[in-house]
Amino acid sequence: DRVYEKLKDLEEGILALMRELEDVTPRAGQILKQTYDKFDTNMRSDDALLKNYGLLSCFRKDLHKTETYLRVMKCRRFGEASCAF
């Protein structure tokens, strides 16, 4: 339940970030969409599993960076005094 909610929140945040980036440069959205196109959907081989594990590891790091960026943007946009990292 919580995982689904977090993923939904993340999806909304990423879409908002992509809209912001597209306002600055239209190519940014295309670059973000291409980032994870390398997933191997054929999960029958060990190589595919290792490749997907590596991509998921990168995704986790990117997720953390995105969450941090969205927190900073929220603090700047709404001027919250309680913003601390």
N, C-alpha and C. Protein backbone atom coordinates (compact mmCIF):
# COMPACT_ATOMS: atom_id res chain seq x y z
N ASP A 1 0.81 -1.19 0.00
CA ASP A 1 0.00 0.00 0.00
C ASP A 1 0.86 1.26 0.00
N ARG A 2 1.82 1.31 0.93
CA ARG A 2 2.68 2.49 1.01
C ARG A 2 3.58 2.60 -0.21
N VAL A 3 4.03 1.45 -0.73
CA VAL A 3 4.89 1.46 -1.91
C VAL A 3 4.14 2.07 -3.08
N TYR A 4 2.89 1.66 -3.27
CA TYR A 4 2.08 2.20 -4.36
C TYR A 4 1.91 3.71 -4.21
N GLU A 5 1.62 4.15 -2.99
CA GLU A 5 1.45 5.59 -2.75
C GLU A 5 2.74 6.34 -3.04
N LYS A 6 3.87 5.80 -2.60
CA LYS A 6 5.15 6.46 -2.86
C LYS A 6 5.45 6.51 -4.35
N LEU A 7 5.15 5.42 -5.06
CA LEU A 7 5.38 5.41 -6.51
C LEU A 7 4.47 6.41 -7.21
N LYS A 8 3.22 6.53 -6.76
CA LYS A 8 2.30 7.50 -7.35
C LYS A 8 2.80 8.92 -7.10
N ASP A 9 3.24 9.20 -5.87
CA ASP A 9 3.79 10.51 -5.55
C ASP A 9 5.03 10.80 -6.40
N LEU A 10 5.87 9.79 -6.54
CA LEU A 10 7.07 9.95 -7.34
C LEU A 10 6.71 10.23 -8.79
N GLU A 11 5.74 9.49 -9.31
CA GLU A 11 5.32 9.70 -10.70
C GLU A 11 4.82 11.13 -10.91
N GLU A 12 4.01 11.62 -9.97
CA GLU A 12 3.51 12.99 -10.08
C GLU A 12 4.65 13.99 -10.00
N GLY A 13 5.61 13.74 -9.11
CA GLY A 13 6.76 14.63 -8.99
C GLY A 13 7.62 14.64 -10.24
N ILE A 14 7.83 13.47 -10.81
CA ILE A 14 8.64 13.37 -12.03
C ILE A 14 7.94 14.07 -13.19
N LEU A 15 6.62 13.88 -13.30
CA LEU A 15 5.88 14.55 -14.36
C LEU A 15 5.94 16.07 -14.19
N ALA A 16 5.84 16.55 -12.95
CA ALA A 16 5.96 17.98 -12.70
C ALA A 16 7.36 18.47 -13.06
N LEU A 17 8.37 17.69 -12.70
CA LEU A 17 9.75 18.05 -13.03
C LEU A 17 9.95 18.08 -14.53
N MET A 18 9.39 17.10 -15.24
CA MET A 18 9.53 17.07 -16.70
C MET A 18 8.84 18.28 -17.33
N ARG A 19 7.67 18.67 -16.79
CA ARG A 19 7.00 19.87 -17.32
C ARG A 19 7.86 21.11 -17.11
N GLU A 20 8.46 21.21 -15.92
CA GLU A 20 9.34 22.36 -15.63
C GLU A 20 10.52 22.37 -16.58
N LEU A 21 11.14 21.21 -16.79
CA LEU A 21 12.30 21.13 -17.67
C LEU A 21 11.92 21.43 -19.12
N GLU A 22 10.74 20.97 -19.55
CA GLU A 22 10.32 21.23 -20.93
C GLU A 22 10.04 22.70 -21.15
N ASP A 23 9.66 23.42 -20.09
CA ASP A 23 9.49 24.87 -20.21
C ASP A 23 10.82 25.54 -20.51
N VAL A 24 11.89 25.00 -19.92
CA VAL A 24 13.23 25.55 -20.13
C VAL A 24 13.80 25.08 -21.46
N THR A 25 13.76 23.78 -21.70
CA THR A 25 14.28 23.21 -22.95
C THR A 25 13.42 22.02 -23.35
N PRO A 26 12.80 22.07 -24.51
CA PRO A 26 11.92 20.98 -24.95
C PRO A 26 12.62 19.62 -25.06
N ARG A 27 13.91 19.57 -25.27
CA ARG A 27 14.63 18.30 -25.41
C ARG A 27 14.78 17.56 -24.09
N ALA A 28 14.64 18.25 -22.97
CA ALA A 28 14.86 17.62 -21.66
C ALA A 28 13.90 16.45 -21.44
N GLY A 29 12.65 16.60 -21.81
CA GLY A 29 11.68 15.51 -21.65
C GLY A 29 12.06 14.29 -22.46
N GLN A 30 12.57 14.49 -23.66
CA GLN A 30 12.98 13.37 -24.50
C GLN A 30 14.16 12.65 -23.88
N ILE A 31 15.08 13.39 -23.33
CA ILE A 31 16.26 12.79 -22.70
C ILE A 31 15.84 11.94 -21.51
N LEU A 32 14.92 12.46 -20.68
CA LEU A 32 14.46 11.70 -19.52
C LEU A 32 13.74 10.43 -19.93
N LYS A 33 12.96 10.47 -20.99
CA LYS A 33 12.23 9.29 -21.43
C LYS A 33 13.17 8.21 -21.95
N GLN A 34 14.31 8.58 -22.50
CA GLN A 34 15.25 7.61 -23.06
C GLN A 34 16.12 6.95 -22.00
N THR A 35 16.16 7.52 -20.81
CA THR A 35 17.08 7.05 -19.78
C THR A 35 16.93 5.57 -19.46
N TYR A 36 15.71 5.10 -19.32
CA TYR A 36 15.49 3.72 -18.90
C TYR A 36 14.96 2.84 -20.02
N ASP A 37 15.18 3.22 -21.27
CA ASP A 37 14.76 2.40 -22.41
C ASP A 37 15.60 1.13 -22.54
N LYS A 38 16.66 1.00 -21.77
CA LYS A 38 17.58 -0.13 -21.92
C LYS A 38 17.18 -1.36 -21.11
N PHE A 39 16.01 -1.32 -20.45
CA PHE A 39 15.57 -2.48 -19.69
C PHE A 39 15.36 -3.66 -20.62
N ASP A 40 15.81 -4.82 -20.19
CA ASP A 40 15.63 -6.05 -20.96
C ASP A 40 14.38 -6.74 -20.43
N THR A 41 13.33 -6.78 -21.22
CA THR A 41 12.07 -7.38 -20.77
C THR A 41 12.10 -8.90 -20.83
N ASN A 42 13.10 -9.48 -21.48
CA ASN A 42 13.24 -10.93 -21.53
C ASN A 42 14.02 -11.36 -20.29
N MET A 43 13.30 -11.74 -19.25
CA MET A 43 13.92 -12.04 -17.96
C MET A 43 14.37 -13.50 -17.85
N ARG A 44 14.62 -14.18 -18.95
CA ARG A 44 14.96 -15.60 -18.91
C ARG A 44 16.46 -15.85 -18.71
N SER A 45 17.27 -14.88 -18.92
CA SER A 45 18.71 -15.12 -18.81
C SER A 45 19.30 -14.41 -17.60
N ASP A 46 20.39 -14.96 -17.09
CA ASP A 46 21.08 -14.33 -15.96
C ASP A 46 21.63 -12.98 -16.35
N ASP A 47 22.10 -12.85 -17.59
CA ASP A 47 22.62 -11.56 -18.05
C ASP A 47 21.55 -10.49 -18.00
N ALA A 48 20.33 -10.85 -18.40
CA ALA A 48 19.22 -9.89 -18.37
C ALA A 48 18.91 -9.48 -16.94
N LEU A 49 18.93 -10.45 -16.02
CA LEU A 49 18.67 -10.14 -14.62
C LEU A 49 19.72 -9.20 -14.05
N LEU A 50 20.99 -9.45 -14.34
CA LEU A 50 22.06 -8.58 -13.86
C LEU A 50 21.96 -7.19 -14.46
N LYS A 51 21.64 -7.13 -15.74
CA LYS A 51 21.49 -5.85 -16.42
C LYS A 51 20.36 -5.04 -15.78
N ASN A 52 19.21 -5.69 -15.58
CA ASN A 52 18.07 -5.01 -14.98
C ASN A 52 18.35 -4.62 -13.53
N TYR A 53 19.09 -5.46 -12.80
CA TYR A 53 19.46 -5.12 -11.43
C TYR A 53 20.31 -3.86 -11.42
N GLY A 54 21.25 -3.77 -12.35
CA GLY A 54 22.09 -2.58 -12.45
C GLY A 54 21.28 -1.34 -12.76
N LEU A 55 20.31 -1.48 -13.66
CA LEU A 55 19.47 -0.33 -14.00
C LEU A 55 18.59 0.07 -12.82
N LEU A 56 18.08 -0.92 -12.08
CA LEU A 56 17.26 -0.60 -10.91
C LEU A 56 18.10 0.08 -9.83
N SER A 57 19.35 -0.33 -9.71
CA SER A 57 20.25 0.32 -8.76
C SER A 57 20.45 1.78 -9.13
N CYS A 58 20.64 2.04 -10.42
CA CYS A 58 20.77 3.42 -10.89
C CYS A 58 19.47 4.19 -10.66
N PHE A 59 18.35 3.52 -10.90
CA PHE A 59 17.05 4.15 -10.69
C PHE A 59 16.88 4.58 -9.24
N ARG A 60 17.32 3.73 -8.32
CA ARG A 60 17.22 4.06 -6.90
C ARG A 60 18.01 5.33 -6.58
N LYS A 61 19.21 5.42 -7.11
CA LYS A 61 20.03 6.62 -6.89
C LYS A 61 19.36 7.84 -7.51
N ASP A 62 18.84 7.67 -8.73
CA ASP A 62 18.16 8.78 -9.40
C ASP A 62 16.91 9.20 -8.63
N LEU A 63 16.22 8.22 -8.06
CA LEU A 63 15.02 8.50 -7.28
C LEU A 63 15.36 9.37 -6.08
N HIS A 64 16.45 9.04 -5.40
CA HIS A 64 16.87 9.83 -4.25
C HIS A 64 17.21 11.26 -4.68
N LYS A 65 17.93 11.40 -5.78
CA LYS A 65 18.27 12.73 -6.28
C LYS A 65 17.03 13.52 -6.65
N THR A 66 16.06 12.84 -7.27
CA THR A 66 14.83 13.50 -7.67
C THR A 66 14.03 13.95 -6.46
N GLU A 67 13.92 13.09 -5.46
CA GLU A 67 13.21 13.46 -4.24
C GLU A 67 13.85 14.67 -3.58
N THR A 68 15.17 14.69 -3.52
CA THR A 68 15.88 15.82 -2.93
C THR A 68 15.63 17.09 -3.74
N TYR A 69 15.72 16.99 -5.06
CA TYR A 69 15.48 18.14 -5.92
C TYR A 69 14.06 18.67 -5.74
N LEU A 70 13.09 17.77 -5.67
CA LEU A 70 11.70 18.20 -5.51
C LEU A 70 11.48 18.87 -4.15
N ARG A 71 12.15 18.39 -3.10
CA ARG A 71 12.06 19.04 -1.80
C ARG A 71 12.63 20.45 -1.85
N VAL A 72 13.77 20.59 -2.51
CA VAL A 72 14.39 21.92 -2.63
C VAL A 72 13.48 22.85 -3.41
N MET A 73 12.93 22.36 -4.52
CA MET A 73 12.03 23.19 -5.33
C MET A 73 10.79 23.59 -4.55
N LYS A 74 10.26 22.67 -3.76
CA LYS A 74 9.08 22.98 -2.94
C LYS A 74 9.42 24.06 -1.92
N CYS A 75 10.58 23.94 -1.28
CA CYS A 75 11.00 24.94 -0.30
C CYS A 75 11.17 26.31 -0.95
N ARG A 76 11.79 26.33 -2.11
CA ARG A 76 11.99 27.61 -2.80
C ARG A 76 10.68 28.20 -3.29
N ARG A 77 9.82 27.34 -3.79
CA ARG A 77 8.56 27.82 -4.38
C ARG A 77 7.60 28.34 -3.32
N PHE A 78 7.49 27.64 -2.21
CA PHE A 78 6.52 28.01 -1.19
C PHE A 78 7.15 28.72 0.00
N GLY A 79 8.46 28.88 -0.01
CA GLY A 79 9.16 29.62 1.03
C GLY A 79 8.93 29.06 2.43
N GLU A 80 8.96 27.75 2.54
CA GLU A 80 8.74 27.14 3.85
C GLU A 80 9.95 27.35 4.74
N ALA A 81 9.70 27.86 5.93
CA ALA A 81 10.79 28.12 6.86
C ALA A 81 11.29 26.83 7.51
N SER A 82 10.46 25.80 7.49
CA SER A 82 10.84 24.55 8.16
C SER A 82 11.58 23.59 7.24
N CYS A 83 12.07 24.07 6.13
CA CYS A 83 12.80 23.19 5.20
C CYS A 83 14.21 22.95 5.72
N ALA A 84 14.49 21.71 6.03
CA ALA A 84 15.82 21.34 6.49
C ALA A 84 16.16 19.98 5.91
N PHE A 85 17.41 19.79 5.63
CA PHE A 85 17.85 18.51 5.07
C PHE A 85 18.84 17.85 5.98
